[in-house]
Each structure stands twice: as structure tokens, then as C-alpha cells.
PDB file of all heavy atoms in Angstrom:
ATOM      1  N   VAL A   1     186.576 -48.835   9.971  1.00  0.00           N
ATOM      2  CA  VAL A   1     186.298 -49.647   8.791  1.00  0.00           C
ATOM      3  C   VAL A   1     185.281 -50.712   9.177  1.00  0.00           C
ATOM      4  O   VAL A   1     185.497 -51.473  10.127  1.00  0.00           O
ATOM      5  CB  VAL A   1     187.576 -50.306   8.240  1.00  0.00           C
ATOM      6  CG1 VAL A   1     187.233 -51.231   7.074  1.00  0.00           C
ATOM      7  CG2 VAL A   1     188.577 -49.241   7.805  1.00  0.00           C
ATOM      8  N   ALA A   2     184.154 -50.719   8.464  1.00  0.00           N
ATOM      9  CA  ALA A   2     183.131 -51.727   8.717  1.00  0.00           C
ATOM     10  C   ALA A   2     183.466 -52.976   7.927  1.00  0.00           C
ATOM     11  O   ALA A   2     183.438 -52.976   6.693  1.00  0.00           O
ATOM     12  CB  ALA A   2     181.757 -51.200   8.321  1.00  0.00           C
ATOM     13  N   MET A   3     183.809 -54.045   8.649  1.00  0.00           N
ATOM     14  CA  MET A   3     184.131 -55.312   8.000  1.00  0.00           C
ATOM     15  C   MET A   3     182.888 -56.167   7.980  1.00  0.00           C
ATOM     16  O   MET A   3     182.364 -56.558   9.029  1.00  0.00           O
ATOM     17  CB  MET A   3     185.280 -56.001   8.732  1.00  0.00           C
ATOM     18  CG  MET A   3     186.569 -55.195   8.647  1.00  0.00           C
ATOM     19  SD  MET A   3     187.964 -56.040   9.388  1.00  0.00           S
ATOM     20  CE  MET A   3     189.289 -54.867   9.041  1.00  0.00           C
ATOM     21  N   SER A   4     182.413 -56.413   6.785  1.00  0.00           N
ATOM     22  CA  SER A   4     181.125 -57.072   6.606  1.00  0.00           C
ATOM     23  C   SER A   4     181.301 -58.403   5.885  1.00  0.00           C
ATOM     24  O   SER A   4     182.194 -58.548   5.036  1.00  0.00           O
ATOM     25  CB  SER A   4     180.197 -56.163   5.785  1.00  0.00           C
ATOM     26  OG  SER A   4     179.034 -56.839   5.396  1.00  0.00           O
ATOM     27  N   PRO A   5     180.454 -59.387   6.219  1.00  0.00           N
ATOM     28  CA  PRO A   5     180.490 -60.636   5.450  1.00  0.00           C
ATOM     29  C   PRO A   5     180.243 -60.343   3.973  1.00  0.00           C
ATOM     30  O   PRO A   5     179.616 -59.335   3.622  1.00  0.00           O
ATOM     31  CB  PRO A   5     179.348 -61.456   6.055  1.00  0.00           C
ATOM     32  CG  PRO A   5     179.148 -60.882   7.413  1.00  0.00           C
ATOM     33  CD  PRO A   5     179.457 -59.424   7.290  1.00  0.00           C
ATOM     34  N   PRO A   6     180.693 -61.194   3.085  1.00  0.00           N
ATOM     35  CA  PRO A   6     180.451 -60.970   1.656  1.00  0.00           C
ATOM     36  C   PRO A   6     178.970 -61.077   1.326  1.00  0.00           C
ATOM     37  O   PRO A   6     178.195 -61.718   2.054  1.00  0.00           O
ATOM     38  CB  PRO A   6     181.251 -62.089   0.999  1.00  0.00           C
ATOM     39  CG  PRO A   6     181.356 -63.147   2.041  1.00  0.00           C
ATOM     40  CD  PRO A   6     181.448 -62.423   3.342  1.00  0.00           C
ATOM     41  N   VAL A   7     178.580 -60.455   0.230  1.00  0.00           N
ATOM     42  CA  VAL A   7     177.174 -60.473  -0.180  1.00  0.00           C
ATOM     43  C   VAL A   7     176.683 -61.911  -0.359  1.00  0.00           C
ATOM     44  O   VAL A   7     175.530 -62.231  -0.053  1.00  0.00           O
ATOM     45  CB  VAL A   7     177.002 -59.671  -1.483  1.00  0.00           C
ATOM     46  CG1 VAL A   7     175.590 -59.821  -2.028  1.00  0.00           C
ATOM     47  CG2 VAL A   7     177.336 -58.201  -1.253  1.00  0.00           C
ATOM     48  N   SER A   8     177.573 -62.779  -0.758  1.00  0.00           N
ATOM     49  CA  SER A   8     177.174 -64.171  -0.986  1.00  0.00           C
ATOM     50  C   SER A   8     176.764 -64.886   0.297  1.00  0.00           C
ATOM     51  O   SER A   8     176.147 -65.951   0.253  1.00  0.00           O
ATOM     52  CB  SER A   8     178.322 -64.937  -1.651  1.00  0.00           C
ATOM     53  OG  SER A   8     179.483 -64.902  -0.816  1.00  0.00           O
ATOM     54  N   ALA A   9     177.091 -64.277   1.471  1.00  0.00           N
ATOM     55  CA  ALA A   9     176.738 -64.905   2.743  1.00  0.00           C
ATOM     56  C   ALA A   9     175.325 -64.558   3.191  1.00  0.00           C
ATOM     57  O   ALA A   9     174.879 -65.015   4.247  1.00  0.00           O
ATOM     58  CB  ALA A   9     177.738 -64.491   3.819  1.00  0.00           C
ATOM     59  N   ALA A  10     174.618 -63.753   2.408  1.00  0.00           N
ATOM     60  CA  ALA A  10     173.254 -63.359   2.791  1.00  0.00           C
ATOM     61  C   ALA A  10     172.372 -64.592   2.934  1.00  0.00           C
ATOM     62  O   ALA A  10     172.221 -65.375   1.993  1.00  0.00           O
ATOM     63  CB  ALA A  10     172.676 -62.408   1.753  1.00  0.00           C
ATOM     64  N   ALA A  11     171.784 -64.757   4.122  1.00  0.00           N
ATOM     65  CA  ALA A  11     170.980 -65.949   4.384  1.00  0.00           C
ATOM     66  C   ALA A  11     169.673 -65.640   5.095  1.00  0.00           C
ATOM     67  O   ALA A  11     168.747 -66.447   5.070  1.00  0.00           O
ATOM     68  CB  ALA A  11     171.784 -66.956   5.216  1.00  0.00           C
ATOM     69  N   VAL A  12     169.581 -64.483   5.741  1.00  0.00           N
ATOM     70  CA  VAL A  12     168.399 -64.152   6.537  1.00  0.00           C
ATOM     71  C   VAL A  12     167.933 -62.753   6.157  1.00  0.00           C
ATOM     72  O   VAL A  12     168.732 -61.809   6.082  1.00  0.00           O
ATOM     73  CB  VAL A  12     168.706 -64.209   8.045  1.00  0.00           C
ATOM     74  CG1 VAL A  12     167.487 -63.774   8.861  1.00  0.00           C
ATOM     75  CG2 VAL A  12     169.155 -65.599   8.448  1.00  0.00           C
ATOM     76  N   MET A  13     166.626 -62.632   5.932  1.00  0.00           N
ATOM     77  CA  MET A  13     165.997 -61.334   5.694  1.00  0.00           C
ATOM     78  C   MET A  13     164.947 -61.117   6.782  1.00  0.00           C
ATOM     79  O   MET A  13     164.138 -62.003   7.063  1.00  0.00           O
ATOM     80  CB  MET A  13     165.336 -61.301   4.320  1.00  0.00           C
ATOM     81  CG  MET A  13     164.527 -60.038   4.040  1.00  0.00           C
ATOM     82  SD  MET A  13     165.563 -58.611   3.676  1.00  0.00           S
ATOM     83  CE  MET A  13     166.056 -59.009   1.988  1.00  0.00           C
ATOM     84  N   ILE A  14     164.958 -59.935   7.385  1.00  0.00           N
ATOM     85  CA  ILE A  14     163.960 -59.580   8.404  1.00  0.00           C
ATOM     86  C   ILE A  14     163.334 -58.251   8.004  1.00  0.00           C
ATOM     87  O   ILE A  14     164.034 -57.242   7.848  1.00  0.00           O
ATOM     88  CB  ILE A  14     164.585 -59.455   9.797  1.00  0.00           C
ATOM     89  CG1 ILE A  14     165.238 -60.778  10.210  1.00  0.00           C
ATOM     90  CG2 ILE A  14     163.533 -59.037  10.821  1.00  0.00           C
ATOM     91  CD1 ILE A  14     166.016 -60.684  11.501  1.00  0.00           C
ATOM     92  N   VAL A  15     162.003 -58.243   7.829  1.00  0.00           N
ATOM     93  CA  VAL A  15     161.273 -57.027   7.454  1.00  0.00           C
ATOM     94  C   VAL A  15     160.393 -56.600   8.614  1.00  0.00           C
ATOM     95  O   VAL A  15     159.656 -57.417   9.179  1.00  0.00           O
ATOM     96  CB  VAL A  15     160.419 -57.245   6.187  1.00  0.00           C
ATOM     97  CG1 VAL A  15     159.671 -55.970   5.833  1.00  0.00           C
ATOM     98  CG2 VAL A  15     161.299 -57.683   5.028  1.00  0.00           C
ATOM     99  N   GLN A  16     160.451 -55.327   8.968  1.00  0.00           N
ATOM    100  CA  GLN A  16     159.632 -54.776  10.047  1.00  0.00           C
ATOM    101  C   GLN A  16     159.042 -53.442   9.619  1.00  0.00           C
ATOM    102  O   GLN A  16     159.540 -52.787   8.691  1.00  0.00           O
ATOM    103  CB  GLN A  16     160.465 -54.579  11.306  1.00  0.00           C
ATOM    104  CG  GLN A  16     160.941 -55.867  11.967  1.00  0.00           C
ATOM    105  CD  GLN A  16     161.746 -55.584  13.210  1.00  0.00           C
ATOM    106  OE1 GLN A  16     162.625 -54.718  13.203  1.00  0.00           O
ATOM    107  NE2 GLN A  16     161.458 -56.297  14.285  1.00  0.00           N
ATOM    108  N   SER A  17     157.982 -53.059  10.318  1.00  0.00           N
ATOM    109  CA  SER A  17     157.335 -51.761  10.075  1.00  0.00           C
ATOM    110  C   SER A  17     156.972 -51.130  11.411  1.00  0.00           C
ATOM    111  O   SER A  17     156.797 -51.834  12.416  1.00  0.00           O
ATOM    112  CB  SER A  17     156.070 -51.939   9.233  1.00  0.00           C
ATOM    113  OG  SER A  17     155.317 -50.736   9.197  1.00  0.00           O
ATOM    114  N   ASP A  18     156.848 -49.808  11.402  1.00  0.00           N
ATOM    115  CA  ASP A  18     156.440 -49.105  12.620  1.00  0.00           C
ATOM    116  C   ASP A  18     155.029 -49.487  13.042  1.00  0.00           C
ATOM    117  O   ASP A  18     154.697 -49.442  14.222  1.00  0.00           O
ATOM    118  CB  ASP A  18     156.500 -47.589  12.410  1.00  0.00           C
ATOM    119  CG  ASP A  18     157.929 -47.084  12.339  1.00  0.00           C
ATOM    120  OD1 ASP A  18     158.826 -47.806  12.808  1.00  0.00           O
ATOM    121  OD2 ASP A  18     158.148 -45.989  11.806  1.00  0.00           O
ATOM    122  N   VAL A  19     154.174 -49.824  12.095  1.00  0.00           N
ATOM    123  CA  VAL A  19     152.774 -50.104  12.408  1.00  0.00           C
ATOM    124  C   VAL A  19     152.284 -51.301  11.605  1.00  0.00           C
ATOM    125  O   VAL A  19     152.901 -51.697  10.606  1.00  0.00           O
ATOM    126  CB  VAL A  19     151.859 -48.895  12.092  1.00  0.00           C
ATOM    127  CG1 VAL A  19     152.262 -47.666  12.875  1.00  0.00           C
ATOM    128  CG2 VAL A  19     151.862 -48.595  10.606  1.00  0.00           C
ATOM    129  N   LYS A  20     151.187 -51.887  12.061  1.00  0.00           N
ATOM    130  CA  LYS A  20     150.521 -52.932  11.297  1.00  0.00           C
ATOM    131  C   LYS A  20     149.323 -52.392  10.525  1.00  0.00           C
ATOM    132  O   LYS A  20     148.838 -53.037   9.595  1.00  0.00           O
ATOM    133  CB  LYS A  20     150.050 -54.042  12.236  1.00  0.00           C
ATOM    134  CG  LYS A  20     151.159 -54.917  12.779  1.00  0.00           C
ATOM    135  CD  LYS A  20     150.580 -56.037  13.634  1.00  0.00           C
ATOM    136  CE  LYS A  20     151.684 -56.939  14.160  1.00  0.00           C
ATOM    137  NZ  LYS A  20     151.126 -58.017  15.035  1.00  0.00           N
ATOM    138  N   THR A  21     148.815 -51.239  10.953  1.00  0.00           N
ATOM    139  CA  THR A  21     147.625 -50.650  10.323  1.00  0.00           C
ATOM    140  C   THR A  21     147.822 -49.161  10.123  1.00  0.00           C
ATOM    141  O   THR A  21     148.343 -48.483  11.012  1.00  0.00           O
ATOM    142  CB  THR A  21     146.374 -50.885  11.182  1.00  0.00           C
ATOM    143  OG1 THR A  21     146.218 -52.279  11.396  1.00  0.00           O
ATOM    144  CG2 THR A  21     145.132 -50.328  10.503  1.00  0.00           C
ATOM    145  N   LEU A  22     147.414 -48.640   8.958  1.00  0.00           N
ATOM    146  CA  LEU A  22     147.437 -47.205   8.671  1.00  0.00           C
ATOM    147  C   LEU A  22     146.031 -46.730   8.361  1.00  0.00           C
ATOM    148  O   LEU A  22     145.268 -47.440   7.695  1.00  0.00           O
ATOM    149  CB  LEU A  22     148.315 -46.904   7.455  1.00  0.00           C
ATOM    150  CG  LEU A  22     149.831 -46.866   7.638  1.00  0.00           C
ATOM    151  CD1 LEU A  22     150.496 -46.625   6.293  1.00  0.00           C
ATOM    152  CD2 LEU A  22     150.231 -45.783   8.619  1.00  0.00           C
ATOM    153  N   PRO A  23     145.646 -45.517   8.813  1.00  0.00           N
ATOM    154  CA  PRO A  23     144.390 -44.932   8.341  1.00  0.00           C
ATOM    155  C   PRO A  23     144.450 -44.725   6.831  1.00  0.00           C
ATOM    156  O   PRO A  23     145.529 -44.508   6.268  1.00  0.00           O
ATOM    157  CB  PRO A  23     144.332 -43.585   9.081  1.00  0.00           C
ATOM    158  CG  PRO A  23     145.237 -43.760  10.255  1.00  0.00           C
ATOM    159  CD  PRO A  23     146.327 -44.683   9.803  1.00  0.00           C
ATOM    160  N   GLN A  24     143.308 -44.793   6.191  1.00  0.00           N
ATOM    161  CA  GLN A  24     143.305 -44.581   4.753  1.00  0.00           C
ATOM    162  C   GLN A  24     143.437 -43.105   4.430  1.00  0.00           C
ATOM    163  O   GLN A  24     143.057 -42.233   5.219  1.00  0.00           O
ATOM    164  CB  GLN A  24     142.036 -45.162   4.131  1.00  0.00           C
ATOM    165  CG  GLN A  24     140.735 -44.506   4.576  1.00  0.00           C
ATOM    166  CD  GLN A  24     139.557 -45.426   4.336  1.00  0.00           C
ATOM    167  OE1 GLN A  24     139.363 -46.433   5.016  1.00  0.00           O
ATOM    168  NE2 GLN A  24     138.754 -45.078   3.341  1.00  0.00           N
ATOM    169  N   LYS A  25     143.977 -42.819   3.261  1.00  0.00           N
ATOM    170  CA  LYS A  25     144.216 -41.457   2.819  1.00  0.00           C
ATOM    171  C   LYS A  25     142.891 -40.739   2.597  1.00  0.00           C
ATOM    172  O   LYS A  25     141.910 -41.316   2.137  1.00  0.00           O
ATOM    173  CB  LYS A  25     145.018 -41.486   1.521  1.00  0.00           C
ATOM    174  CG  LYS A  25     145.351 -40.126   0.923  1.00  0.00           C
ATOM    175  CD  LYS A  25     146.143 -40.294  -0.359  1.00  0.00           C
ATOM    176  CE  LYS A  25     146.464 -38.962  -0.994  1.00  0.00           C
ATOM    177  NZ  LYS A  25     147.239 -39.131  -2.248  1.00  0.00           N
ATOM    178  N   THR A  26     142.862 -39.430   2.956  1.00  0.00           N
ATOM    179  CA  THR A  26     141.699 -38.585   2.682  1.00  0.00           C
ATOM    180  C   THR A  26     142.096 -37.546   1.646  1.00  0.00           C
ATOM    181  O   THR A  26     143.222 -37.533   1.154  1.00  0.00           O
ATOM    182  CB  THR A  26     141.201 -37.896   3.963  1.00  0.00           C
ATOM    183  OG1 THR A  26     142.177 -36.926   4.368  1.00  0.00           O
ATOM    184  CG2 THR A  26     140.998 -38.909   5.094  1.00  0.00           C
ATOM    185  N   ASN A  27     141.181 -36.639   1.354  1.00  0.00           N
ATOM    186  CA  ASN A  27     141.480 -35.586   0.373  1.00  0.00           C
ATOM    187  C   ASN A  27     142.588 -34.651   0.857  1.00  0.00           C
ATOM    188  O   ASN A  27     143.261 -34.007   0.056  1.00  0.00           O
ATOM    189  CB  ASN A  27     140.223 -34.780   0.066  1.00  0.00           C
ATOM    190  CG  ASN A  27     139.218 -35.575  -0.744  1.00  0.00           C
ATOM    191  OD1 ASN A  27     139.588 -36.505  -1.462  1.00  0.00           O
ATOM    192  ND2 ASN A  27     137.946 -35.233  -0.621  1.00  0.00           N
ATOM    193  N   THR A  28     142.736 -34.561   2.176  1.00  0.00           N
ATOM    194  CA  THR A  28     143.680 -33.579   2.723  1.00  0.00           C
ATOM    195  C   THR A  28     144.777 -34.197   3.571  1.00  0.00           C
ATOM    196  O   THR A  28     145.695 -33.494   3.979  1.00  0.00           O
ATOM    197  CB  THR A  28     142.934 -32.551   3.585  1.00  0.00           C
ATOM    198  OG1 THR A  28     142.164 -33.251   4.573  1.00  0.00           O
ATOM    199  CG2 THR A  28     142.013 -31.686   2.743  1.00  0.00           C
ATOM    200  N   THR A  29     144.718 -35.483   3.848  1.00  0.00           N
ATOM    201  CA  THR A  29     145.691 -36.086   4.754  1.00  0.00           C
ATOM    202  C   THR A  29     146.190 -37.419   4.215  1.00  0.00           C
ATOM    203  O   THR A  29     145.391 -38.255   3.786  1.00  0.00           O
ATOM    204  CB  THR A  29     145.089 -36.314   6.148  1.00  0.00           C
ATOM    205  OG1 THR A  29     144.519 -35.106   6.622  1.00  0.00           O
ATOM    206  CG2 THR A  29     146.166 -36.788   7.135  1.00  0.00           C
ATOM    207  N   SER A  30     147.518 -37.600   4.243  1.00  0.00           N
ATOM    208  CA  SER A  30     148.126 -38.881   3.896  1.00  0.00           C
ATOM    209  C   SER A  30     148.854 -39.426   5.118  1.00  0.00           C
ATOM    210  O   SER A  30     149.335 -38.663   5.959  1.00  0.00           O
ATOM    211  CB  SER A  30     149.115 -38.724   2.735  1.00  0.00           C
ATOM    212  OG  SER A  30     148.447 -38.324   1.560  1.00  0.00           O
ATOM    213  N   TYR A  31     148.941 -40.752   5.202  1.00  0.00           N
ATOM    214  CA  TYR A  31     149.607 -41.386   6.332  1.00  0.00           C
ATOM    215  C   TYR A  31     150.678 -42.332   5.814  1.00  0.00           C
ATOM    216  O   TYR A  31     150.514 -42.982   4.774  1.00  0.00           O
ATOM    217  CB  TYR A  31     148.594 -42.168   7.186  1.00  0.00           C
ATOM    218  CG  TYR A  31     147.512 -41.295   7.753  1.00  0.00           C
ATOM    219  CD1 TYR A  31     146.333 -41.046   7.049  1.00  0.00           C
ATOM    220  CD2 TYR A  31     147.665 -40.689   8.994  1.00  0.00           C
ATOM    221  CE1 TYR A  31     145.341 -40.228   7.568  1.00  0.00           C
ATOM    222  CE2 TYR A  31     146.683 -39.877   9.525  1.00  0.00           C
ATOM    223  CZ  TYR A  31     145.520 -39.642   8.806  1.00  0.00           C
ATOM    224  OH  TYR A  31     144.544 -38.842   9.326  1.00  0.00           O
ATOM    225  N   SER A  32     151.787 -42.433   6.553  1.00  0.00           N
ATOM    226  CA  SER A  32     152.873 -43.290   6.102  1.00  0.00           C
ATOM    227  C   SER A  32     153.558 -43.949   7.278  1.00  0.00           C
ATOM    228  O   SER A  32     153.396 -43.546   8.432  1.00  0.00           O
ATOM    229  CB  SER A  32     153.886 -42.486   5.286  1.00  0.00           C
ATOM    230  OG  SER A  32     154.560 -41.573   6.127  1.00  0.00           O
ATOM    231  N   THR A  33     154.353 -44.968   6.985  1.00  0.00           N
ATOM    232  CA  THR A  33     155.150 -45.652   7.988  1.00  0.00           C
ATOM    233  C   THR A  33     156.468 -46.077   7.359  1.00  0.00           C
ATOM    234  O   THR A  33     156.567 -46.225   6.127  1.00  0.00           O
ATOM    235  CB  THR A  33     154.405 -46.883   8.545  1.00  0.00           C
ATOM    236  OG1 THR A  33     155.188 -47.468   9.591  1.00  0.00           O
ATOM    237  CG2 THR A  33     154.151 -47.936   7.466  1.00  0.00           C
TER     238      THR A  33
END
């Protein structure tokens, strides 16, 4: 059983990504992170 603080205790948000830069999309290739 995962015992978690209540939603009201939310105080910190941390956002991260695999990369800081992506190549732009071409006609045949898309890039994502």
C-alpha cells in the first residue's frame, strides 16, 4: 500500500526533460522527448 501525503500537501513541482534541444521536424522524420 502506497501511503502518500494528501493532495493538499503539494508544495514543490519539478519538471525535467531528456533533452534541452530537439532537431526540427522534416517531411519524413519527427523527433520527441
